[in-house]
N, C-alpha and C. Protein backbone atom coordinates (compact mmCIF):
# COMPACT_ATOMS: atom_id res chain seq x y z
N MET A 1 -2.11 -29.85 -91.74
CA MET A 1 -2.37 -29.41 -93.09
C MET A 1 -1.82 -28.07 -93.19
N SER A 2 -0.97 -27.74 -94.16
CA SER A 2 -0.38 -26.23 -94.20
C SER A 2 -1.36 -25.43 -95.01
N ALA A 3 -1.11 -24.18 -94.90
CA ALA A 3 -1.91 -23.14 -95.52
C ALA A 3 -1.63 -23.26 -97.05
N PRO A 4 -2.66 -22.96 -97.89
CA PRO A 4 -2.42 -22.99 -99.35
C PRO A 4 -1.39 -22.03 -99.72
N ARG A 5 -0.47 -22.38 -100.73
CA ARG A 5 0.53 -21.42 -101.20
C ARG A 5 0.05 -20.74 -102.48
N PHE A 6 0.16 -19.45 -102.27
CA PHE A 6 -0.19 -18.50 -103.44
C PHE A 6 1.04 -18.28 -104.24
N PRO A 7 0.86 -18.16 -105.57
CA PRO A 7 1.97 -17.80 -106.35
C PRO A 7 2.60 -16.59 -106.06
N SER A 8 3.96 -16.37 -106.18
CA SER A 8 4.67 -15.22 -105.92
C SER A 8 4.26 -14.08 -106.93
N LYS A 9 4.59 -12.83 -106.67
CA LYS A 9 4.45 -11.79 -107.65
C LYS A 9 5.23 -12.05 -108.90
N LYS A 10 6.33 -12.60 -108.72
CA LYS A 10 7.31 -12.86 -109.93
C LYS A 10 6.61 -13.91 -110.77
N ALA A 11 6.05 -15.07 -110.16
CA ALA A 11 5.28 -16.09 -110.86
C ALA A 11 4.06 -15.59 -111.58
N LEU A 12 3.28 -14.58 -110.98
CA LEU A 12 2.19 -14.08 -111.55
C LEU A 12 2.52 -13.10 -112.78
N PHE A 13 3.66 -12.43 -112.58
CA PHE A 13 4.16 -11.67 -113.57
C PHE A 13 4.53 -12.42 -114.83
N PHE A 14 5.30 -13.62 -114.61
CA PHE A 14 5.79 -14.32 -115.65
C PHE A 14 4.56 -15.05 -116.32
N GLU A 15 3.51 -15.43 -115.48
CA GLU A 15 2.35 -16.08 -116.16
C GLU A 15 1.68 -15.08 -117.02
N LYS A 16 1.53 -13.81 -116.78
CA LYS A 16 0.92 -12.93 -117.64
C LYS A 16 1.78 -12.63 -118.84
N ARG A 17 3.07 -12.71 -118.65
CA ARG A 17 4.02 -12.45 -119.82
C ARG A 17 3.88 -13.69 -120.78
N LEU A 18 3.88 -14.88 -120.23
CA LEU A 18 3.70 -16.03 -121.01
C LEU A 18 2.37 -15.99 -121.85
N VAL A 19 1.40 -15.63 -121.17
CA VAL A 19 -0.01 -15.72 -121.84
C VAL A 19 0.14 -14.62 -122.88
N LEU A 20 0.74 -13.32 -122.73
CA LEU A 20 0.87 -12.40 -123.72
C LEU A 20 1.79 -12.82 -124.86
N TYR A 21 2.83 -13.64 -124.59
CA TYR A 21 3.64 -14.26 -125.51
C TYR A 21 2.98 -15.18 -126.42
N ILE A 22 2.19 -16.03 -125.81
CA ILE A 22 1.42 -17.12 -126.53
C ILE A 22 0.37 -16.25 -127.40
N TYR A 23 -0.31 -15.28 -126.85
CA TYR A 23 -1.32 -14.54 -127.78
C TYR A 23 -0.77 -13.88 -128.92
N CYS A 24 0.47 -13.27 -128.61
CA CYS A 24 1.20 -12.59 -129.76
C CYS A 24 1.70 -13.63 -130.75
N SER A 25 2.12 -14.80 -130.34
CA SER A 25 2.53 -15.77 -131.34
C SER A 25 1.34 -16.27 -132.19
N ILE A 26 0.20 -16.33 -131.58
CA ILE A 26 -0.93 -16.95 -132.34
C ILE A 26 -1.56 -15.87 -133.12
N VAL A 27 -1.80 -14.65 -132.71
CA VAL A 27 -2.54 -13.66 -133.37
C VAL A 27 -1.60 -12.79 -134.32
N THR A 28 -0.57 -12.20 -133.65
CA THR A 28 0.17 -11.23 -134.40
C THR A 28 0.92 -11.89 -135.55
N LEU A 29 1.57 -13.00 -135.25
CA LEU A 29 2.44 -13.66 -136.27
C LEU A 29 1.64 -14.55 -137.13
N ASN A 30 0.32 -14.69 -136.90
CA ASN A 30 -0.59 -15.35 -137.65
C ASN A 30 -0.17 -16.97 -137.78
N LEU A 31 0.40 -17.50 -136.64
CA LEU A 31 0.70 -18.84 -136.65
C LEU A 31 -0.48 -19.78 -136.64
N ALA A 32 -1.49 -19.24 -136.18
CA ALA A 32 -2.76 -19.94 -136.04
C ALA A 32 -3.24 -20.21 -137.52
N ASP A 33 -3.14 -19.26 -138.42
CA ASP A 33 -3.62 -19.39 -139.81
C ASP A 33 -2.58 -20.29 -140.50
N LYS A 34 -1.34 -20.18 -140.26
CA LYS A 34 -0.25 -20.99 -140.93
C LYS A 34 -0.38 -22.50 -140.52
N HIS A 35 -0.81 -22.76 -139.41
CA HIS A 35 -0.90 -24.20 -138.90
C HIS A 35 -2.37 -24.60 -138.83
N ASP A 36 -3.32 -23.94 -139.56
CA ASP A 36 -4.64 -24.31 -139.48
C ASP A 36 -5.33 -24.50 -138.08
N VAL A 37 -4.93 -23.52 -137.16
CA VAL A 37 -5.54 -23.64 -135.82
C VAL A 37 -6.68 -22.71 -135.77
N LYS A 38 -7.93 -23.06 -135.28
CA LYS A 38 -9.04 -22.14 -135.32
C LYS A 38 -8.92 -21.19 -134.12
N ARG A 39 -9.06 -19.95 -134.40
CA ARG A 39 -8.90 -18.93 -133.39
C ARG A 39 -10.32 -18.85 -132.62
N CYS A 40 -11.41 -19.05 -133.18
CA CYS A 40 -12.70 -18.77 -132.57
C CYS A 40 -13.31 -20.09 -131.82
N GLY A 41 -12.40 -20.75 -131.30
CA GLY A 41 -12.91 -21.87 -130.59
C GLY A 41 -12.07 -23.17 -130.95
N MET A 42 -12.29 -24.35 -130.30
CA MET A 42 -11.53 -25.43 -130.43
C MET A 42 -12.49 -26.58 -130.92
N ASP A 43 -12.02 -27.51 -131.66
CA ASP A 43 -12.81 -28.58 -132.09
C ASP A 43 -12.86 -29.57 -130.94
N PRO A 44 -13.89 -30.46 -130.91
CA PRO A 44 -13.92 -31.38 -129.82
C PRO A 44 -12.73 -32.26 -129.53
N LEU A 45 -12.05 -32.76 -130.62
CA LEU A 45 -10.96 -33.67 -130.37
C LEU A 45 -9.78 -32.82 -129.68
N PHE A 46 -9.53 -31.61 -130.13
CA PHE A 46 -8.45 -30.89 -129.55
C PHE A 46 -8.79 -30.55 -128.05
N ARG A 47 -10.07 -30.20 -127.81
CA ARG A 47 -10.52 -29.91 -126.36
C ARG A 47 -10.28 -31.19 -125.53
N ASP A 48 -10.74 -32.29 -126.10
CA ASP A 48 -10.52 -33.54 -125.25
C ASP A 48 -9.06 -33.88 -125.03
N GLN A 49 -8.23 -33.58 -125.95
CA GLN A 49 -6.78 -33.77 -125.84
C GLN A 49 -6.34 -32.99 -124.69
N ILE A 50 -6.65 -31.74 -124.70
CA ILE A 50 -6.11 -30.69 -123.70
C ILE A 50 -6.66 -31.13 -122.37
N GLU A 51 -8.04 -31.49 -122.21
CA GLU A 51 -8.58 -31.75 -120.99
C GLU A 51 -8.05 -33.03 -120.26
N ASN A 52 -7.50 -33.92 -121.13
CA ASN A 52 -6.84 -35.23 -120.70
C ASN A 52 -5.45 -35.11 -120.35
N LEU A 53 -4.78 -33.82 -120.41
CA LEU A 53 -3.44 -33.75 -120.12
C LEU A 53 -3.38 -33.78 -118.49
N GLN A 54 -2.30 -34.39 -118.10
CA GLN A 54 -2.10 -34.44 -116.64
C GLN A 54 -1.19 -33.30 -116.22
N GLU A 55 -0.94 -33.21 -114.80
CA GLU A 55 -0.02 -32.15 -114.35
C GLU A 55 1.31 -32.14 -114.96
N SER A 56 1.86 -33.44 -114.98
CA SER A 56 3.17 -33.56 -115.51
C SER A 56 3.28 -33.00 -117.01
N HIS A 57 2.37 -33.26 -117.81
CA HIS A 57 2.32 -32.75 -119.16
C HIS A 57 2.32 -31.12 -119.11
N PHE A 58 1.44 -30.69 -118.26
CA PHE A 58 1.25 -29.14 -118.13
C PHE A 58 2.52 -28.56 -117.76
N LEU A 59 3.25 -29.17 -116.76
CA LEU A 59 4.55 -28.64 -116.29
C LEU A 59 5.52 -28.68 -117.47
N ILE A 60 5.59 -29.64 -118.16
CA ILE A 60 6.66 -29.80 -119.29
C ILE A 60 6.29 -28.67 -120.28
N LEU A 61 5.07 -28.50 -120.74
CA LEU A 61 4.72 -27.32 -121.50
C LEU A 61 5.04 -25.97 -120.92
N TYR A 62 4.85 -25.84 -119.72
CA TYR A 62 5.02 -24.56 -119.03
C TYR A 62 6.55 -24.36 -119.00
N TRP A 63 7.32 -25.33 -118.67
CA TRP A 63 8.82 -25.08 -118.52
C TRP A 63 9.45 -24.86 -120.01
N VAL A 64 8.85 -25.53 -121.02
CA VAL A 64 9.44 -25.22 -122.26
C VAL A 64 9.12 -23.85 -122.78
N GLY A 65 7.86 -23.45 -122.50
CA GLY A 65 7.39 -22.11 -122.90
C GLY A 65 8.21 -21.10 -121.97
N TYR A 66 8.46 -21.31 -120.81
CA TYR A 66 9.25 -20.40 -119.91
C TYR A 66 10.68 -20.35 -120.48
N ALA A 67 11.31 -21.43 -120.91
CA ALA A 67 12.71 -21.47 -121.46
C ALA A 67 12.77 -20.62 -122.70
N GLU A 68 11.78 -20.93 -123.65
CA GLU A 68 11.75 -20.14 -124.85
C GLU A 68 11.52 -18.56 -124.69
N GLY A 69 10.75 -18.35 -123.58
CA GLY A 69 10.63 -16.88 -123.30
C GLY A 69 11.95 -16.20 -122.76
N ARG A 70 12.77 -17.06 -122.23
CA ARG A 70 13.98 -16.55 -121.65
C ARG A 70 15.28 -16.82 -122.73
N SER A 71 14.84 -17.36 -123.87
CA SER A 71 15.86 -17.82 -124.88
C SER A 71 16.89 -18.77 -124.36
N LEU A 72 16.35 -19.72 -123.58
CA LEU A 72 17.24 -20.75 -123.09
C LEU A 72 16.97 -22.13 -123.73
N PRO A 73 17.97 -22.87 -123.93
CA PRO A 73 17.70 -24.32 -124.43
C PRO A 73 17.21 -25.09 -123.27
N TYR A 74 16.12 -25.94 -123.45
CA TYR A 74 15.63 -26.80 -122.58
C TYR A 74 15.50 -28.14 -123.20
N ASN A 75 16.23 -29.18 -122.61
CA ASN A 75 16.33 -30.53 -123.19
C ASN A 75 15.63 -31.59 -122.31
N ILE A 76 15.73 -32.72 -122.87
CA ILE A 76 14.96 -33.88 -122.21
C ILE A 76 15.72 -34.12 -120.84
N THR A 77 16.95 -34.08 -120.72
CA THR A 77 17.65 -34.35 -119.44
C THR A 77 17.23 -33.17 -118.42
N ASN A 78 17.33 -31.88 -118.80
CA ASN A 78 16.61 -30.84 -117.88
C ASN A 78 15.25 -31.18 -117.46
N CYS A 79 14.52 -31.65 -118.30
CA CYS A 79 13.00 -32.00 -118.00
C CYS A 79 13.01 -33.22 -116.98
N PHE A 80 13.81 -34.15 -117.14
CA PHE A 80 13.85 -35.39 -116.34
C PHE A 80 14.41 -34.96 -114.91
N ASP A 81 15.31 -34.00 -114.88
CA ASP A 81 15.91 -33.53 -113.58
C ASP A 81 14.84 -32.78 -112.82
N ASP A 82 14.09 -31.88 -113.58
CA ASP A 82 13.05 -31.12 -112.88
C ASP A 82 11.81 -32.10 -112.40
N LEU A 83 11.38 -33.12 -113.24
CA LEU A 83 10.38 -33.95 -112.66
C LEU A 83 10.80 -34.79 -111.55
N LYS A 84 12.23 -35.13 -111.61
CA LYS A 84 12.66 -35.99 -110.44
C LYS A 84 12.80 -35.07 -109.17
N TRP A 85 13.12 -33.80 -109.36
CA TRP A 85 13.21 -32.80 -108.25
C TRP A 85 11.94 -32.68 -107.63
N LEU A 86 10.84 -32.63 -108.50
CA LEU A 86 9.54 -32.45 -107.81
C LEU A 86 8.88 -33.85 -107.43
N ARG A 87 9.67 -34.91 -107.53
CA ARG A 87 9.28 -36.20 -107.03
C ARG A 87 7.92 -36.68 -107.93
N ILE A 88 7.98 -36.30 -109.20
CA ILE A 88 6.98 -36.74 -110.12
C ILE A 88 7.29 -38.14 -110.76
N THR A 89 8.54 -38.19 -110.94
CA THR A 89 8.93 -39.50 -111.63
C THR A 89 10.39 -39.85 -111.01
N ARG A 90 10.83 -41.06 -111.07
CA ARG A 90 12.13 -41.46 -110.68
C ARG A 90 13.09 -42.02 -111.81
N THR A 91 12.41 -42.21 -113.01
CA THR A 91 13.13 -42.76 -114.12
C THR A 91 12.99 -41.94 -115.41
N LYS A 92 14.12 -41.91 -116.18
CA LYS A 92 14.10 -41.06 -117.29
C LYS A 92 13.13 -41.77 -118.41
N GLN A 93 12.84 -42.93 -118.28
CA GLN A 93 11.97 -43.60 -119.19
C GLN A 93 10.53 -43.00 -119.15
N THR A 94 10.22 -42.68 -117.94
CA THR A 94 8.81 -42.04 -117.62
C THR A 94 8.85 -40.63 -118.26
N ALA A 95 9.85 -39.89 -117.92
CA ALA A 95 10.05 -38.54 -118.56
C ALA A 95 9.99 -38.53 -120.09
N THR A 96 10.69 -39.36 -120.63
CA THR A 96 10.71 -39.56 -122.01
C THR A 96 9.40 -39.89 -122.66
N ALA A 97 8.68 -40.68 -121.92
CA ALA A 97 7.29 -41.16 -122.39
C ALA A 97 6.27 -39.92 -122.34
N LEU A 98 6.47 -39.09 -121.36
CA LEU A 98 5.59 -37.87 -121.27
C LEU A 98 5.91 -36.97 -122.35
N ILE A 99 7.29 -36.75 -122.60
CA ILE A 99 7.64 -35.87 -123.63
C ILE A 99 7.17 -36.37 -125.03
N GLU A 100 7.33 -37.73 -125.30
CA GLU A 100 6.98 -38.30 -126.56
C GLU A 100 5.37 -38.27 -126.72
N ALA A 101 4.60 -38.31 -125.66
CA ALA A 101 3.17 -38.07 -125.78
C ALA A 101 2.77 -36.68 -126.25
N LEU A 102 3.41 -35.84 -125.70
CA LEU A 102 3.34 -34.31 -126.19
C LEU A 102 3.77 -34.10 -127.58
N GLN A 103 4.83 -34.82 -127.97
CA GLN A 103 5.34 -34.66 -129.32
C GLN A 103 4.29 -35.33 -130.23
N ALA A 104 3.74 -36.40 -129.95
CA ALA A 104 2.68 -37.17 -130.72
C ALA A 104 1.42 -36.31 -130.88
N LEU A 105 1.12 -35.51 -129.87
CA LEU A 105 -0.06 -34.55 -129.96
C LEU A 105 0.33 -33.35 -130.74
N ARG A 106 1.53 -33.19 -131.14
CA ARG A 106 2.15 -32.05 -131.92
C ARG A 106 2.16 -30.75 -131.01
N PHE A 107 2.30 -30.91 -129.72
CA PHE A 107 2.41 -29.79 -128.77
C PHE A 107 3.84 -29.39 -128.50
N LEU A 108 4.81 -30.28 -128.76
CA LEU A 108 6.29 -30.03 -128.59
C LEU A 108 6.99 -30.40 -129.96
N ASP A 109 8.00 -29.81 -130.25
CA ASP A 109 8.92 -30.07 -131.22
C ASP A 109 10.19 -30.44 -130.65
N ILE A 110 10.91 -31.43 -130.99
CA ILE A 110 12.17 -31.97 -130.48
C ILE A 110 13.19 -31.91 -131.60
N ARG A 111 14.32 -31.06 -131.41
CA ARG A 111 15.28 -30.95 -132.33
C ARG A 111 16.64 -31.50 -131.82
N ASP A 112 17.46 -32.16 -132.68
CA ASP A 112 18.71 -32.53 -132.31
C ASP A 112 19.57 -31.35 -132.50
N GLU A 113 20.22 -30.95 -131.37
CA GLU A 113 21.18 -29.66 -131.60
C GLU A 113 22.45 -30.07 -130.87
N GLY A 114 23.47 -30.33 -131.57
CA GLY A 114 24.70 -30.89 -131.03
C GLY A 114 24.35 -32.28 -130.36
N ASN A 115 24.83 -32.44 -129.19
CA ASN A 115 24.58 -33.75 -128.46
C ASN A 115 23.42 -33.66 -127.62
N ARG A 116 22.46 -32.78 -127.68
CA ARG A 116 21.25 -32.53 -126.88
C ARG A 116 20.06 -32.58 -127.76
N LYS A 117 18.95 -33.01 -127.16
CA LYS A 117 17.62 -32.90 -127.89
C LYS A 117 16.94 -31.86 -127.18
N ASN A 118 16.90 -30.76 -127.78
CA ASN A 118 16.17 -29.51 -127.17
C ASN A 118 14.72 -29.54 -127.55
N MET A 119 13.86 -28.95 -126.68
CA MET A 119 12.46 -29.01 -126.90
C MET A 119 11.88 -27.56 -127.11
N TYR A 120 10.97 -27.47 -127.95
CA TYR A 120 10.31 -26.20 -128.40
C TYR A 120 8.82 -26.41 -128.52
N ILE A 121 8.02 -25.43 -128.02
CA ILE A 121 6.66 -25.36 -128.02
C ILE A 121 6.13 -25.10 -129.36
N THR A 122 5.03 -25.81 -129.83
CA THR A 122 4.52 -25.56 -131.19
C THR A 122 3.27 -24.72 -131.01
N PRO A 123 2.73 -23.99 -131.97
CA PRO A 123 1.63 -23.23 -131.74
C PRO A 123 0.31 -24.01 -131.13
N HIS A 124 0.23 -25.36 -131.56
CA HIS A 124 -0.80 -26.17 -130.82
C HIS A 124 -0.50 -26.28 -129.31
N GLY A 125 0.77 -26.42 -129.06
CA GLY A 125 1.09 -26.62 -127.61
C GLY A 125 0.93 -25.21 -126.92
N ALA A 126 1.13 -24.15 -127.64
CA ALA A 126 0.97 -22.84 -126.97
C ALA A 126 -0.54 -22.56 -126.69
N GLN A 127 -1.40 -23.04 -127.63
CA GLN A 127 -2.80 -22.91 -127.45
C GLN A 127 -3.24 -23.70 -126.24
N ALA A 128 -2.68 -25.03 -126.27
CA ALA A 128 -3.05 -25.91 -125.14
C ALA A 128 -2.61 -25.23 -123.74
N LEU A 129 -1.49 -24.75 -123.72
CA LEU A 129 -0.95 -24.17 -122.45
C LEU A 129 -1.73 -22.91 -122.01
N GLU A 130 -2.13 -22.24 -123.09
CA GLU A 130 -2.86 -20.97 -122.85
C GLU A 130 -4.19 -21.39 -122.21
N HIS A 131 -4.81 -22.43 -122.71
CA HIS A 131 -6.16 -22.89 -122.21
C HIS A 131 -6.02 -23.39 -120.73
N LEU A 132 -4.90 -24.05 -120.47
CA LEU A 132 -4.65 -24.56 -119.13
C LEU A 132 -4.34 -23.50 -118.12
N ILE A 133 -3.60 -22.67 -118.55
CA ILE A 133 -3.36 -21.36 -117.68
C ILE A 133 -4.45 -20.53 -117.40
N LEU A 134 -5.24 -20.30 -118.38
CA LEU A 134 -6.50 -19.42 -118.24
C LEU A 134 -7.50 -20.15 -117.35
N LYS A 135 -7.61 -21.47 -117.53
CA LYS A 135 -8.68 -22.19 -116.83
C LYS A 135 -8.15 -22.51 -115.32
N LYS A 136 -6.85 -22.29 -115.24
CA LYS A 136 -6.33 -22.52 -113.80
C LYS A 136 -6.46 -23.93 -113.39
N VAL A 137 -6.27 -24.89 -114.38
CA VAL A 137 -6.42 -26.28 -114.14
C VAL A 137 -5.26 -26.80 -113.18
N TYR A 138 -4.06 -26.44 -113.45
CA TYR A 138 -2.91 -26.78 -112.74
C TYR A 138 -2.11 -25.47 -112.27
N THR A 139 -1.33 -25.71 -111.26
CA THR A 139 -0.46 -24.53 -110.76
C THR A 139 0.87 -24.78 -111.27
N PRO A 140 1.48 -23.73 -111.88
CA PRO A 140 2.89 -23.91 -112.32
C PRO A 140 3.84 -24.10 -111.03
N LYS A 141 4.81 -24.90 -111.42
CA LYS A 141 5.78 -25.19 -110.27
C LYS A 141 7.17 -24.82 -110.79
N LYS A 142 7.98 -24.57 -109.82
CA LYS A 142 9.40 -24.08 -110.29
C LYS A 142 10.23 -25.24 -110.92
N SER A 143 11.07 -24.85 -111.87
CA SER A 143 11.84 -25.73 -112.56
C SER A 143 13.35 -25.58 -111.88
N ALA A 144 14.02 -26.49 -111.35
CA ALA A 144 15.25 -26.32 -110.72
C ALA A 144 16.25 -25.76 -111.80
N PHE A 145 16.20 -26.23 -113.07
CA PHE A 145 17.10 -25.71 -114.12
C PHE A 145 16.90 -24.38 -114.46
N LEU A 146 15.69 -23.91 -114.52
CA LEU A 146 15.31 -22.62 -115.15
C LEU A 146 15.42 -21.63 -114.03
N GLU A 147 15.21 -21.94 -112.70
CA GLU A 147 15.31 -20.84 -111.67
C GLU A 147 16.66 -20.51 -111.24
N VAL A 148 17.67 -21.25 -111.61
CA VAL A 148 18.99 -20.93 -111.23
C VAL A 148 19.53 -19.84 -112.30
N ASP A 149 19.97 -18.73 -111.78
CA ASP A 149 20.54 -17.66 -112.77
C ASP A 149 22.08 -17.67 -112.65
């Protein structure tokens, strides 16, 4: 058994930046009011939805948020490649099902841009991601697409 891996300083710095970005999106821009998201707590259904997210859902939300923070387009093919690289899935059908589940929960927005379907995080998705990051439910993992500069 290997020793536990701790997040690098760069990962911790990014995590703090992402939480700040989410906070600014919800509070400063009043996206929470615009989309009827409660600031002072979550309703039971929303909490259940967040608590039933799997690690793969968390990683997709994390990578989409990371890409938006760096102003990079992140599409379904990039997501599939990252999930395959981490050995979470071997088929694009599974990756698409995970993405569609997040879209059905209104955590992701998928837009056709050219010949790609790019993904963007919604205010609900940002709130879900913030909850998962602050509770340290899952550990962020590298994206092969986003780590290459």
